[in-house]
Amino acid sequence: MFQSIVIAPDQEMGGRLVESLHATEHVAVSKAFRSYPNEVDLTRTLRAHATQIVFLGFTSLDDALEVLRVLDGEAARVQVVGFQKDVDPVVLRESMRAGVREFLTEPFDRKSVMQSLVHVRMLLEKHPVEYAATNQIFSFLPSKAGAGTSTIAANAAAALARLPDLRVLLADFDLSSGMLRFMLKLTNEFSVTDAMEHAANMDENLWPQLVTTREGMDILHAGPLNPNLRIEPSQIRNLVAFMRRNYGALCFDLSGNLEKYSLELMQESKRILLVCTPEMPSLHLAREKMAFLRKLDLDHRVAVVLNRTHKRSFLQEQEVAEMVGTPVIQTFPNDYPAVQRSLTNGTLLPAASGLGAAFTDFAGLLAEQKVPTRQSSPRRKFLEFVSSAPSLISR
């Protein structure tokens, strides 16, 4: 079924057209504008619904041509079907010059509407509509609970939002113990649960009610504890498709439990950031999760984020990379007082602070997708130590 919008300043005529379109059972009308929309509203609607056909009323030739200009810049392959009460040779000529190949006049009988749809279908099959969609999707996966993943995801997302012309969404998909609502003192009653329930029909009017804008980014929190929520793969795909069309970067805070929906999110991700600390239990579980992700052919997307490091850490970055089986993309020093202050205040780390500057660097690294290449290490003794002492690692 085609996804369409109707732009009809003549509301009565627009209503009759919508009835005719519904009767064909081949067109879903996502939205009917009662006046010519401005560029922002039109663009937002096109992206929200992945619109394929625009039925454009030519009540005002100048306004209709302006809509066509916006369409040409936003989604050049969207098919436009003009409509009017009667045939006006001037309107017909100017609309054709602007690229309109189908035109309907009243009455909107089924035969004429279906003829136009057949031609539109042929054009769409030959040249499908493609909307700009980001591939900057980052999933933050903890090696174990308490690794600081939510803190890293939130501050990394905020740092990405400080980059020029980058719209960022931070979404908490830890439905068993999501922390973002608590960390940032969010009061929005809507959550991921509501987004999932409306994933198939998400639009530009509902979405702003679900998210909270903070620190220059939009945040979708996990809501109340709900570990038994069943999420279908189709819901994830529909929701992520909507997000990709409307944001320049997506950051997903995952639980670490490797639920089916988390795996779906990781399949959609450009990078999977495996967060761990230098302690042996955390590294052991990081290695276990890496092995699991390798079986799913996701290992090439994974990089380690090493949290709470200090100068006298027992293991160095290269040793951690060897142990887990993937490069360390970023390290963050242990700054317990700074993190506790941000939690107490319900804010994120100041960009000017030492730890905040590290997140700024991290955001630049993520945005540019500069990931360290895998390297072999000459430090054979350490590998021998790890392989010969599994009992130490598993403690």
Protein backbone atom coordinates (compact mmCIF):
# COMPACT_ATOMS: atom_id res chain seq x y z
CA MET A 1 0.00 0.00 0.00
CA PHE A 2 1.29 3.45 -0.92
CA GLN A 3 2.03 5.97 1.83
CA SER A 4 0.63 9.36 0.86
CA ILE A 5 -0.30 12.81 2.07
CA VAL A 6 -2.97 15.10 0.70
CA ILE A 7 -2.52 18.87 0.52
CA ALA A 8 -5.97 20.40 0.00
CA PRO A 9 -6.67 24.05 0.84
CA ASP A 10 -10.16 23.37 -0.54
CA GLN A 11 -11.16 21.13 2.35
CA GLU A 12 -14.40 19.84 0.86
CA MET A 13 -12.69 18.79 -2.35
CA GLY A 14 -9.83 17.29 -0.34
CA GLY A 15 -12.30 15.26 1.69
CA ARG A 16 -13.88 13.82 -1.43
CA LEU A 17 -10.45 12.87 -2.79
CA VAL A 18 -9.48 11.15 0.46
CA GLU A 19 -12.69 9.09 0.34
CA SER A 20 -11.89 8.04 -3.23
CA LEU A 21 -8.34 7.07 -2.30
CA HIS A 22 -9.51 4.98 0.66
CA ALA A 23 -11.97 3.20 -1.61
CA THR A 24 -9.15 1.98 -3.86
CA GLU A 25 -7.56 0.13 -0.91
CA HIS A 26 -4.18 0.87 -2.47
CA VAL A 27 -3.38 4.17 -0.76
CA ALA A 28 -2.93 5.03 2.92
CA VAL A 29 -3.42 8.74 3.60
CA SER A 30 -1.03 9.49 6.46
CA LYS A 31 -2.00 13.13 6.75
CA ALA A 32 -4.30 15.64 5.05
CA PHE A 33 -3.16 19.26 5.15
CA ARG A 34 -5.96 21.82 5.08
CA SER A 35 -3.63 24.54 3.87
CA TYR A 36 -0.31 24.71 2.09
CA PRO A 37 2.32 23.66 4.67
CA ASN A 38 5.54 25.57 5.28
CA GLU A 39 8.83 23.92 4.43
CA VAL A 40 9.53 22.71 7.97
CA ASP A 41 6.13 21.06 8.46
CA LEU A 42 6.17 19.49 5.02
CA THR A 43 9.69 18.10 5.42
CA ARG A 44 8.93 16.72 8.87
CA THR A 45 5.79 14.99 7.59
CA LEU A 46 7.51 13.48 4.57
CA ARG A 47 10.24 11.95 6.74
CA ALA A 48 7.90 10.81 9.48
CA HIS A 49 5.71 8.79 7.15
CA ALA A 50 8.22 7.87 4.41
CA THR A 51 5.73 9.39 1.98
CA GLN A 52 5.67 8.02 -1.58
CA ILE A 53 2.86 10.04 -3.15
CA VAL A 54 1.76 13.63 -2.57
CA PHE A 55 -1.70 14.56 -3.79
CA LEU A 56 -1.38 18.30 -4.31
CA GLY A 57 -4.31 20.66 -4.76
CA PHE A 58 -3.76 23.53 -7.20
CA THR A 59 -6.17 25.96 -5.59
CA SER A 60 -3.28 28.44 -5.66
CA LEU A 61 -0.79 27.91 -8.47
CA ASP A 62 2.01 29.87 -6.79
CA ASP A 63 1.67 28.07 -3.47
CA ALA A 64 1.47 24.68 -5.17
CA LEU A 65 4.63 25.42 -7.16
CA GLU A 66 6.40 26.35 -3.91
CA VAL A 67 5.43 22.97 -2.46
CA LEU A 68 6.87 21.31 -5.56
CA ARG A 69 10.12 23.20 -5.02
CA VAL A 70 10.39 21.85 -1.48
CA LEU A 71 9.58 18.34 -2.65
CA ASP A 72 12.27 18.50 -5.31
CA GLY A 73 14.86 19.37 -2.67
CA GLU A 74 13.72 16.95 0.04
CA ALA A 75 12.58 13.87 -1.87
CA ALA A 76 12.95 14.22 -5.60
CA ARG A 77 11.47 10.77 -6.32
CA VAL A 78 8.21 11.36 -4.47
CA GLN A 79 5.43 11.12 -7.03
CA VAL A 80 3.08 14.10 -7.19
CA VAL A 81 -0.50 13.83 -8.36
CA GLY A 82 -2.12 17.21 -8.90
CA PHE A 83 -5.84 17.75 -8.51
CA GLN A 84 -8.35 20.52 -9.20
CA LYS A 85 -12.09 20.96 -9.68
CA ASP A 86 -11.84 21.63 -13.38
CA VAL A 87 -9.11 21.50 -16.00
CA ASP A 88 -7.25 24.82 -16.17
CA PRO A 89 -4.86 24.88 -19.17
CA VAL A 90 -2.46 27.30 -17.45
CA VAL A 91 -2.32 25.22 -14.26
CA LEU A 92 -1.92 22.03 -16.28
CA ARG A 93 0.95 23.49 -18.32
CA GLU A 94 2.81 24.95 -15.32
CA SER A 95 2.36 21.83 -13.21
CA MET A 96 3.75 19.64 -16.00
CA ARG A 97 6.73 21.95 -16.37
CA ALA A 98 7.33 21.49 -12.64
CA GLY A 99 7.35 17.70 -12.99
CA VAL A 100 3.75 16.68 -12.24
CA ARG A 101 2.84 13.78 -14.54
CA GLU A 102 -0.61 12.88 -13.19
CA PHE A 103 -3.57 15.19 -12.71
CA LEU A 104 -7.05 14.44 -11.35
CA THR A 105 -10.22 16.50 -11.62
CA GLU A 106 -13.62 16.08 -10.06
CA PRO A 107 -15.44 13.83 -9.82
CA PHE A 108 -12.71 11.54 -8.48
CA ASP A 109 -14.19 8.35 -9.91
CA ARG A 110 -12.51 5.04 -9.20
CA LYS A 111 -11.46 4.45 -12.84
CA SER A 112 -9.52 7.69 -13.23
CA VAL A 113 -7.94 7.38 -9.77
CA MET A 114 -6.83 3.80 -10.45
CA GLN A 115 -5.37 4.78 -13.84
CA SER A 116 -3.22 7.41 -12.15
CA LEU A 117 -2.14 4.94 -9.46
CA VAL A 118 -1.09 2.37 -12.05
CA HIS A 119 1.19 4.92 -13.70
CA VAL A 120 2.52 6.05 -10.31
CA ARG A 121 3.24 2.44 -9.34
CA MET A 122 5.31 1.95 -12.49
CA LEU A 123 7.37 5.06 -11.70
CA LEU A 124 7.90 4.07 -8.07
CA GLU A 125 8.95 0.55 -9.00
CA LYS A 126 11.50 1.99 -11.41
CA HIS A 127 12.67 4.76 -9.07
CA PRO A 128 11.77 4.05 -5.41
CA VAL A 129 11.65 6.97 -3.02
CA GLU A 130 14.76 7.21 -0.87
CA TYR A 131 14.90 9.48 2.15
CA ALA A 132 18.12 10.55 3.77
CA ALA A 133 18.70 8.20 6.70
CA THR A 134 21.63 8.28 9.09
CA ASN A 135 23.99 5.37 9.57
CA GLN A 136 25.45 6.99 12.68
CA ILE A 137 23.89 4.50 15.12
CA PHE A 138 25.79 3.60 18.29
CA SER A 139 24.75 0.89 20.74
CA PHE A 140 26.31 1.00 24.19
CA LEU A 141 26.53 -2.50 25.65
CA PRO A 142 27.76 -3.13 29.22
CA SER A 143 30.04 -6.06 29.94
CA LYS A 144 28.33 -6.27 33.33
CA ALA A 145 26.02 -4.21 35.50
CA GLY A 146 27.73 -1.23 37.09
CA ALA A 147 30.28 -0.65 34.32
CA GLY A 148 29.06 2.93 33.88
CA THR A 149 27.44 2.37 30.49
CA SER A 150 24.51 4.75 30.99
CA THR A 151 26.86 7.53 32.09
CA ILE A 152 29.01 6.99 29.01
CA ALA A 153 26.04 6.74 26.63
CA ALA A 154 24.43 9.93 27.98
CA ASN A 155 27.60 12.02 27.95
CA ALA A 156 28.70 10.71 24.56
CA ALA A 157 25.29 11.59 23.10
CA ALA A 158 25.46 15.07 24.62
CA ALA A 159 28.94 15.55 23.15
CA LEU A 160 27.67 14.45 19.74
CA ALA A 161 24.83 16.97 20.05
CA ARG A 162 27.42 19.73 20.46
CA LEU A 163 28.81 19.00 17.00
CA PRO A 164 27.56 21.37 14.27
CA ASP A 165 24.28 20.52 12.54
CA LEU A 166 23.85 17.15 14.19
CA ARG A 167 20.49 16.22 15.66
CA VAL A 168 20.93 13.47 18.27
CA LEU A 169 18.59 11.02 19.96
CA LEU A 170 19.51 9.13 23.14
CA ALA A 171 17.20 6.16 23.82
CA ASP A 172 17.24 3.95 26.91
CA PHE A 173 16.44 0.36 25.94
CA ASP A 174 17.39 -1.11 29.30
CA LEU A 175 13.85 -2.13 30.24
CA SER A 176 15.01 -4.10 33.28
CA SER A 177 16.90 -1.29 34.99
CA GLY A 178 17.01 1.82 32.80
CA MET A 179 18.85 4.66 34.52
CA LEU A 180 18.53 7.66 32.22
CA ARG A 181 15.24 8.86 33.69
CA PHE A 182 16.77 8.83 37.17
CA MET A 183 20.14 10.23 36.13
CA LEU A 184 18.67 13.23 34.31
CA LYS A 185 15.59 13.67 36.53
CA LEU A 186 13.22 13.32 33.58
CA THR A 187 9.52 13.77 34.29
CA ASN A 188 8.00 12.81 30.94
CA GLU A 189 5.43 10.08 31.58
CA PHE A 190 5.90 8.57 28.12
CA SER A 191 8.67 6.10 27.36
CA VAL A 192 10.09 3.43 25.07
CA THR A 193 7.00 1.32 25.84
CA ASP A 194 4.73 3.94 24.28
CA ALA A 195 7.06 4.34 21.31
CA MET A 196 6.91 0.59 20.67
CA GLU A 197 3.13 0.51 20.88
CA HIS A 198 2.92 3.19 18.18
CA ALA A 199 5.96 2.15 16.13
CA ALA A 200 3.90 1.22 13.08
CA ASN A 201 2.12 4.57 12.91
CA MET A 202 4.62 6.96 14.48
CA ASP A 203 4.25 10.50 13.21
CA GLU A 204 5.56 14.01 13.69
CA ASN A 205 2.77 14.91 16.12
CA LEU A 206 3.13 11.97 18.52
CA TRP A 207 6.92 11.79 18.63
CA PRO A 208 7.57 15.18 20.35
CA GLN A 209 5.31 14.03 23.20
CA LEU A 210 7.45 10.95 23.80
CA VAL A 211 10.87 12.60 23.99
CA THR A 212 12.43 15.16 26.32
CA THR A 213 14.89 17.73 24.98
CA ARG A 214 17.92 18.19 27.22
CA GLU A 215 21.48 19.32 26.56
CA GLY A 216 20.68 19.89 22.89
CA MET A 217 19.48 16.32 22.27
CA ASP A 218 16.22 14.39 22.45
CA ILE A 219 15.92 11.65 25.09
CA LEU A 220 13.55 8.70 25.16
CA HIS A 221 13.70 7.04 28.58
CA ALA A 222 12.90 3.43 29.47
CA GLY A 223 9.96 4.19 31.75
CA PRO A 224 8.99 2.09 34.78
CA LEU A 225 10.61 -1.28 35.35
CA ASN A 226 9.12 -3.59 32.72
CA PRO A 227 11.36 -6.62 32.06
CA ASN A 228 8.44 -8.66 30.70
CA LEU A 229 7.60 -6.27 27.86
CA ARG A 230 7.46 -8.21 24.61
CA ILE A 231 8.96 -6.35 21.68
CA GLU A 232 8.56 -7.69 18.17
CA PRO A 233 11.35 -7.33 15.58
CA SER A 234 8.96 -5.44 13.30
CA GLN A 235 8.41 -2.84 16.02
CA ILE A 236 12.16 -2.29 16.35
CA ARG A 237 12.62 -1.98 12.60
CA ASN A 238 9.73 0.46 12.20
CA LEU A 239 10.85 2.61 15.11
CA VAL A 240 14.52 2.69 14.11
CA ALA A 241 13.53 3.55 10.52
CA PHE A 242 11.60 6.53 11.87
CA MET A 243 14.53 7.57 14.06
CA ARG A 244 17.04 7.25 11.22
CA ARG A 245 15.01 9.57 8.99
CA ASN A 246 14.69 12.23 11.67
CA TYR A 247 18.08 12.30 13.45
CA GLY A 248 21.70 12.57 12.45
CA ALA A 249 22.93 10.25 15.20
CA LEU A 250 21.27 7.64 17.42
CA CYS A 251 22.65 6.40 20.75
CA PHE A 252 21.08 3.30 22.31
CA ASP A 253 21.72 2.42 25.97
CA LEU A 254 21.29 -1.37 26.23
CA SER A 255 20.87 -3.61 29.26
CA GLY A 256 23.62 -6.12 28.55
CA ASN A 257 21.18 -9.03 28.83
CA LEU A 258 21.31 -9.63 25.07
CA GLU A 259 17.55 -9.70 24.63
CA LYS A 260 16.20 -10.36 21.14
CA TYR A 261 15.25 -6.73 20.72
CA SER A 262 18.74 -5.65 21.83
CA LEU A 263 20.22 -7.88 19.14
CA GLU A 264 17.87 -6.26 16.62
CA LEU A 265 19.16 -2.85 17.69
CA MET A 266 22.76 -4.01 17.38
CA GLN A 267 22.02 -5.33 13.90
CA GLU A 268 20.92 -1.80 13.01
CA SER A 269 24.01 -0.21 14.58
CA LYS A 270 27.12 1.10 12.90
CA ARG A 271 29.19 0.61 16.04
CA ILE A 272 28.64 -1.48 19.16
CA LEU A 273 30.54 0.05 22.09
CA LEU A 274 31.29 -2.68 24.61
CA VAL A 275 31.78 -0.88 27.93
CA CYS A 276 33.94 -2.53 30.58
CA THR A 277 36.24 -1.64 33.46
CA PRO A 278 39.81 -2.89 34.02
CA GLU A 279 38.67 -5.42 36.63
CA MET A 280 38.90 -9.12 35.75
CA PRO A 281 35.16 -9.99 36.15
CA SER A 282 34.20 -7.16 33.79
CA LEU A 283 36.82 -8.17 31.24
CA HIS A 284 35.84 -11.82 31.45
CA LEU A 285 32.20 -11.02 30.68
CA ALA A 286 33.28 -8.64 27.92
CA ARG A 287 35.18 -11.49 26.31
CA GLU A 288 32.16 -13.80 26.70
CA LYS A 289 29.87 -11.28 25.03
CA MET A 290 32.38 -10.69 22.28
CA ALA A 291 32.41 -14.43 21.57
CA PHE A 292 28.62 -14.45 21.43
CA LEU A 293 28.50 -11.47 19.06
CA ARG A 294 31.11 -13.12 16.87
CA LYS A 295 28.71 -16.04 16.31
CA LEU A 296 26.15 -13.52 15.04
CA ASP A 297 28.74 -11.96 12.71
CA LEU A 298 28.58 -8.70 14.67
CA ASP A 299 32.16 -8.75 15.93
CA HIS A 300 33.45 -6.40 13.22
CA ARG A 301 31.17 -3.66 14.62
CA VAL A 302 32.39 -3.99 18.22
CA ALA A 303 34.99 -1.85 19.95
CA VAL A 304 35.81 -1.63 23.65
CA VAL A 305 35.26 1.47 25.76
CA LEU A 306 37.41 1.09 28.85
CA ASN A 307 35.92 2.97 31.79
CA ARG A 308 37.30 4.04 35.19
CA THR A 309 40.94 3.62 34.32
CA HIS A 310 43.78 4.96 36.48
CA LYS A 311 47.51 5.30 36.09
CA ARG A 312 48.28 2.17 38.05
CA SER A 313 45.82 -0.09 36.27
CA PHE A 314 46.96 -3.71 36.21
CA LEU A 315 46.20 -4.01 32.47
CA GLN A 316 47.09 -1.66 29.65
CA GLU A 317 44.87 -0.89 26.64
CA GLN A 318 46.57 -3.33 24.30
CA GLU A 319 46.33 -6.10 26.84
CA VAL A 320 42.61 -5.43 27.30
CA ALA A 321 42.15 -5.52 23.51
CA GLU A 322 43.95 -8.86 23.34
CA MET A 323 41.91 -10.31 26.16
CA VAL A 324 38.50 -9.19 24.87
CA GLY A 325 39.34 -9.76 21.22
CA THR A 326 38.63 -6.32 19.76
CA PRO A 327 40.34 -2.88 19.84
CA VAL A 328 39.93 -0.35 22.64
CA ILE A 329 38.46 2.71 20.98
CA GLN A 330 38.39 4.99 24.05
CA THR A 331 39.39 5.10 27.70
CA PHE A 332 37.83 7.23 30.41
CA PRO A 333 39.62 7.97 33.68
CA ASN A 334 38.03 7.25 37.02
CA ASP A 335 36.58 10.57 38.22
CA TYR A 336 34.11 9.47 40.86
CA PRO A 337 33.49 12.95 42.39
CA ALA A 338 32.64 14.53 39.01
CA VAL A 339 30.22 11.75 38.10
CA GLN A 340 28.52 11.89 41.51
CA ARG A 341 28.06 15.66 41.22
CA SER A 342 26.37 15.27 37.85
CA LEU A 343 24.09 12.54 39.23
CA THR A 344 23.17 14.66 42.24
CA ASN A 345 22.33 17.63 40.03
CA GLY A 346 20.61 15.62 37.33
CA THR A 347 22.96 17.04 34.72
CA LEU A 348 25.67 15.81 32.41
CA LEU A 349 29.38 16.44 32.77
CA PRO A 350 30.42 19.99 31.84
CA ALA A 351 32.11 20.09 28.45
CA ALA A 352 34.91 22.20 29.93
CA SER A 353 35.80 19.64 32.61
CA GLY A 354 38.56 17.10 32.17
CA LEU A 355 36.18 14.19 31.78
CA GLY A 356 33.85 16.30 29.65
CA ALA A 357 36.74 17.05 27.27
CA ALA A 358 37.34 13.32 26.93
CA PHE A 359 33.75 12.88 25.81
CA THR A 360 34.17 15.69 23.29
CA ASP A 361 37.12 13.80 21.81
CA PHE A 362 35.10 10.58 21.85
CA ALA A 363 32.22 12.23 19.97
CA GLY A 364 34.60 13.41 17.28
CA LEU A 365 35.99 9.93 16.98
CA LEU A 366 32.54 8.38 16.66
CA ALA A 367 31.30 10.92 14.14
CA GLU A 368 34.32 10.40 11.93
CA GLN A 369 34.23 6.63 12.43
CA LYS A 370 37.97 6.43 13.09
CA VAL A 371 38.34 3.04 14.76
CA PRO A 372 41.74 1.57 15.67
CA THR A 373 42.78 -1.34 13.52
CA ARG A 374 43.41 -4.73 15.06
CA GLN A 375 47.09 -5.20 15.88
CA SER A 376 49.04 -8.16 17.10
CA SER A 377 51.08 -7.74 20.25
CA PRO A 378 54.60 -8.96 20.94
CA ARG A 379 53.78 -9.34 24.64
CA ARG A 380 53.41 -13.10 24.54
CA LYS A 381 53.86 -13.58 28.26
CA PHE A 382 50.59 -11.80 29.05
CA LEU A 383 48.60 -13.96 26.61
CA GLU A 384 50.16 -17.07 28.08
CA PHE A 385 49.17 -15.85 31.54
CA VAL A 386 45.55 -15.31 30.46
CA SER A 387 45.22 -18.63 28.65
CA SER A 388 46.81 -20.57 31.48
CA ALA A 389 44.69 -19.06 34.26
CA PRO A 390 40.99 -19.36 33.35
CA SER A 391 40.04 -19.77 37.00
CA LEU A 392 41.43 -16.33 37.80
CA ILE A 393 39.48 -14.70 35.01
CA SER A 394 36.18 -16.30 35.91
CA ARG A 395 36.20 -15.25 39.53
